[in-house]
Amino acid sequence: MSIVTQSPRPEHKLDEVKKSIGKTVSKIEFGETPDLRSEELCIHFTDGSILLIGCGSNAVNVANDHKFSWKEFTTDLITYWK
């Protein structure tokens, strides 16, 4: 049973994540980005590669349309096991 019901938009993001299949994880970093507006997950692999998973948003577009500052927005990553 799949937990995901649709492909990501744009679909090439899935290709990037699939590059991690078969790799061995050596270290995990997880926390706030330097601007303190979002969080990022950094997965380090034993071959020296790093997969970064961060947040994106349309906060600037929404803020411009509704006359408030994009700086009022924050994002985070929610982790859970299934």
N, C-alpha and C. Protein backbone atom coordinates (compact mmCIF):
# COMPACT_ATOMS: atom_id res chain seq x y z
N MET A 1 0.84 -1.18 0.00
CA MET A 1 0.00 0.00 0.00
C MET A 1 0.88 1.25 0.00
N SER A 2 0.63 2.13 -0.92
CA SER A 2 1.41 3.36 -1.03
C SER A 2 0.83 4.44 -0.12
N ILE A 3 1.70 5.18 0.54
CA ILE A 3 1.27 6.30 1.37
C ILE A 3 1.08 7.54 0.51
N VAL A 4 1.86 7.65 -0.57
CA VAL A 4 1.81 8.80 -1.47
C VAL A 4 0.81 8.53 -2.58
N THR A 5 -0.04 9.50 -2.87
CA THR A 5 -1.08 9.29 -3.87
C THR A 5 -0.81 9.98 -5.20
N GLN A 6 0.12 10.93 -5.24
CA GLN A 6 0.44 11.63 -6.48
C GLN A 6 1.94 11.90 -6.54
N SER A 7 2.44 12.07 -7.76
CA SER A 7 3.85 12.42 -7.96
C SER A 7 4.10 13.84 -7.49
N PRO A 8 5.36 14.14 -7.11
CA PRO A 8 5.67 15.52 -6.74
C PRO A 8 5.59 16.43 -7.97
N ARG A 9 5.46 17.72 -7.71
CA ARG A 9 5.45 18.70 -8.80
C ARG A 9 6.62 19.63 -8.61
N PRO A 10 7.52 19.76 -9.50
CA PRO A 10 7.67 18.98 -10.73
C PRO A 10 8.20 17.57 -10.43
N GLU A 11 7.94 16.67 -11.35
CA GLU A 11 8.24 15.25 -11.13
C GLU A 11 9.74 14.95 -11.02
N HIS A 12 10.61 15.79 -11.56
CA HIS A 12 12.06 15.51 -11.49
C HIS A 12 12.58 15.44 -10.06
N LYS A 13 11.84 15.99 -9.10
CA LYS A 13 12.27 15.91 -7.70
C LYS A 13 12.34 14.46 -7.24
N LEU A 14 11.45 13.63 -7.73
CA LEU A 14 11.47 12.21 -7.38
C LEU A 14 12.75 11.55 -7.88
N ASP A 15 13.20 11.92 -9.07
CA ASP A 15 14.44 11.36 -9.61
C ASP A 15 15.63 11.69 -8.72
N GLU A 16 15.66 12.89 -8.17
CA GLU A 16 16.75 13.28 -7.26
C GLU A 16 16.75 12.42 -6.01
N VAL A 17 15.61 12.20 -5.42
CA VAL A 17 15.51 11.41 -4.19
C VAL A 17 15.85 9.94 -4.46
N LYS A 18 15.46 9.43 -5.63
CA LYS A 18 15.73 8.03 -5.96
C LYS A 18 17.23 7.73 -6.07
N LYS A 19 18.05 8.75 -6.24
CA LYS A 19 19.50 8.55 -6.29
C LYS A 19 20.03 8.01 -4.96
N SER A 20 19.24 8.12 -3.90
CA SER A 20 19.68 7.63 -2.58
C SER A 20 19.43 6.14 -2.40
N ILE A 21 18.67 5.51 -3.29
CA ILE A 21 18.36 4.08 -3.16
C ILE A 21 19.65 3.27 -3.22
N GLY A 22 19.84 2.40 -2.25
CA GLY A 22 21.01 1.54 -2.19
C GLY A 22 22.22 2.15 -1.49
N LYS A 23 22.17 3.44 -1.18
CA LYS A 23 23.29 4.08 -0.48
C LYS A 23 23.20 3.80 1.01
N THR A 24 24.33 3.93 1.69
CA THR A 24 24.39 3.73 3.13
C THR A 24 24.50 5.08 3.82
N VAL A 25 23.63 5.33 4.77
CA VAL A 25 23.62 6.59 5.51
C VAL A 25 24.73 6.57 6.56
N SER A 26 25.52 7.66 6.60
CA SER A 26 26.58 7.76 7.60
C SER A 26 26.28 8.78 8.69
N LYS A 27 25.43 9.76 8.37
CA LYS A 27 25.17 10.83 9.34
C LYS A 27 23.90 11.57 8.93
N ILE A 28 23.17 12.06 9.92
CA ILE A 28 21.96 12.86 9.69
C ILE A 28 22.12 14.19 10.42
N GLU A 29 21.82 15.28 9.73
CA GLU A 29 21.72 16.59 10.36
C GLU A 29 20.30 17.08 10.14
N PHE A 30 19.73 17.72 11.15
CA PHE A 30 18.36 18.21 11.03
C PHE A 30 18.20 19.42 11.92
N GLY A 31 17.76 20.53 11.37
CA GLY A 31 17.56 21.72 12.19
C GLY A 31 17.21 22.93 11.37
N GLU A 32 17.24 24.06 12.02
CA GLU A 32 16.86 25.31 11.38
C GLU A 32 17.93 25.79 10.42
N THR A 33 17.48 26.44 9.36
CA THR A 33 18.39 27.05 8.40
C THR A 33 18.94 28.35 9.01
N PRO A 34 20.04 28.88 8.46
CA PRO A 34 20.64 30.08 9.04
C PRO A 34 19.68 31.28 9.15
N ASP A 35 18.71 31.38 8.22
CA ASP A 35 17.78 32.51 8.30
C ASP A 35 16.65 32.28 9.30
N LEU A 36 16.61 31.10 9.93
CA LEU A 36 15.64 30.73 10.96
C LEU A 36 14.19 30.74 10.46
N ARG A 37 13.98 30.63 9.16
CA ARG A 37 12.63 30.65 8.61
C ARG A 37 12.13 29.27 8.19
N SER A 38 13.03 28.28 8.22
CA SER A 38 12.61 26.92 7.85
C SER A 38 13.60 25.92 8.44
N GLU A 39 13.31 24.66 8.20
CA GLU A 39 14.19 23.59 8.64
C GLU A 39 14.71 22.84 7.42
N GLU A 40 15.83 22.13 7.61
CA GLU A 40 16.43 21.35 6.53
C GLU A 40 16.93 20.03 7.10
N LEU A 41 16.76 18.98 6.32
CA LEU A 41 17.25 17.66 6.67
C LEU A 41 18.41 17.35 5.73
N CYS A 42 19.57 17.02 6.28
CA CYS A 42 20.76 16.69 5.50
C CYS A 42 21.12 15.24 5.76
N ILE A 43 21.05 14.41 4.74
CA ILE A 43 21.38 13.00 4.86
C ILE A 43 22.73 12.77 4.20
N HIS A 44 23.73 12.43 4.99
CA HIS A 44 25.08 12.18 4.50
C HIS A 44 25.22 10.68 4.21
N PHE A 45 25.85 10.35 3.09
CA PHE A 45 26.06 8.96 2.71
C PHE A 45 27.55 8.63 2.77
N THR A 46 27.85 7.34 2.88
CA THR A 46 29.24 6.90 3.02
C THR A 46 30.08 7.18 1.78
N ASP A 47 29.46 7.42 0.63
CA ASP A 47 30.22 7.75 -0.58
C ASP A 47 30.56 9.23 -0.68
N GLY A 48 30.20 10.01 0.35
CA GLY A 48 30.50 11.44 0.39
C GLY A 48 29.38 12.33 -0.13
N SER A 49 28.34 11.76 -0.72
CA SER A 49 27.23 12.57 -1.22
C SER A 49 26.30 12.96 -0.06
N ILE A 50 25.54 14.02 -0.27
CA ILE A 50 24.62 14.53 0.73
C ILE A 50 23.29 14.85 0.05
N LEU A 51 22.21 14.33 0.59
CA LEU A 51 20.87 14.67 0.11
C LEU A 51 20.28 15.69 1.07
N LEU A 52 19.95 16.87 0.54
CA LEU A 52 19.34 17.93 1.34
C LEU A 52 17.85 17.96 1.06
N ILE A 53 17.06 17.97 2.10
CA ILE A 53 15.61 18.06 1.96
C ILE A 53 15.18 19.30 2.73
N GLY A 54 14.68 20.27 1.99
CA GLY A 54 14.28 21.53 2.60
C GLY A 54 12.85 21.89 2.22
N CYS A 55 12.39 22.99 2.75
CA CYS A 55 11.03 23.46 2.51
C CYS A 55 11.02 24.52 1.41
N GLY A 56 9.98 24.48 0.62
CA GLY A 56 9.71 25.55 -0.33
C GLY A 56 8.33 26.10 -0.03
N SER A 57 8.08 27.31 -0.46
CA SER A 57 6.75 27.88 -0.24
C SER A 57 6.48 28.96 -1.27
N ASN A 58 5.25 29.37 -1.30
CA ASN A 58 4.86 30.50 -2.14
C ASN A 58 4.53 31.70 -1.26
N ALA A 59 5.21 31.82 -0.14
CA ALA A 59 4.93 32.88 0.83
C ALA A 59 5.04 34.27 0.23
N VAL A 60 6.03 34.51 -0.62
CA VAL A 60 6.19 35.84 -1.22
C VAL A 60 4.98 36.17 -2.09
N ASN A 61 4.54 35.21 -2.89
CA ASN A 61 3.38 35.45 -3.75
C ASN A 61 2.13 35.75 -2.93
N VAL A 62 1.89 34.94 -1.90
CA VAL A 62 0.71 35.13 -1.06
C VAL A 62 0.78 36.47 -0.33
N ALA A 63 1.95 36.79 0.20
CA ALA A 63 2.11 38.05 0.92
C ALA A 63 1.86 39.24 0.01
N ASN A 64 2.38 39.18 -1.20
CA ASN A 64 2.17 40.29 -2.14
C ASN A 64 0.70 40.45 -2.50
N ASP A 65 -0.02 39.34 -2.63
CA ASP A 65 -1.44 39.38 -2.98
C ASP A 65 -2.31 39.87 -1.83
N HIS A 66 -1.84 39.70 -0.59
CA HIS A 66 -2.69 40.01 0.56
C HIS A 66 -2.11 41.07 1.48
N LYS A 67 -1.10 41.78 0.99
CA LYS A 67 -0.55 42.94 1.67
C LYS A 67 -0.05 42.69 3.11
N PHE A 68 0.75 41.66 3.26
CA PHE A 68 1.49 41.47 4.51
C PHE A 68 2.87 40.95 4.15
N SER A 69 3.76 40.92 5.10
CA SER A 69 5.16 40.59 4.84
C SER A 69 5.39 39.08 4.76
N TRP A 70 6.16 38.66 3.78
CA TRP A 70 6.53 37.23 3.68
C TRP A 70 7.34 36.81 4.90
N LYS A 71 7.93 37.76 5.61
CA LYS A 71 8.73 37.43 6.79
C LYS A 71 7.88 36.91 7.94
N GLU A 72 6.56 37.04 7.83
CA GLU A 72 5.66 36.51 8.85
C GLU A 72 5.48 35.00 8.72
N PHE A 73 5.93 34.41 7.59
CA PHE A 73 5.79 32.99 7.35
C PHE A 73 7.00 32.22 7.89
N THR A 74 6.76 31.04 8.40
CA THR A 74 7.82 30.09 8.71
C THR A 74 7.40 28.73 8.17
N THR A 75 8.36 27.86 7.96
CA THR A 75 8.06 26.50 7.52
C THR A 75 8.86 25.53 8.38
N ASP A 76 8.41 24.28 8.41
CA ASP A 76 9.16 23.25 9.13
C ASP A 76 8.93 21.91 8.46
N LEU A 77 9.73 20.95 8.81
CA LEU A 77 9.56 19.58 8.35
C LEU A 77 8.95 18.77 9.48
N ILE A 78 8.00 17.92 9.15
CA ILE A 78 7.37 17.06 10.14
C ILE A 78 7.85 15.65 9.89
N THR A 79 8.40 15.01 10.91
CA THR A 79 8.93 13.65 10.75
C THR A 79 8.04 12.65 11.47
N TYR A 80 7.88 11.49 10.88
CA TYR A 80 7.11 10.41 11.50
C TYR A 80 7.43 9.11 10.79
N TRP A 81 7.23 8.00 11.50
CA TRP A 81 7.44 6.66 10.96
C TRP A 81 6.10 6.03 10.65
N LYS A 82 6.03 5.27 9.58
CA LYS A 82 4.83 4.49 9.23
C LYS A 82 5.17 3.03 9.30
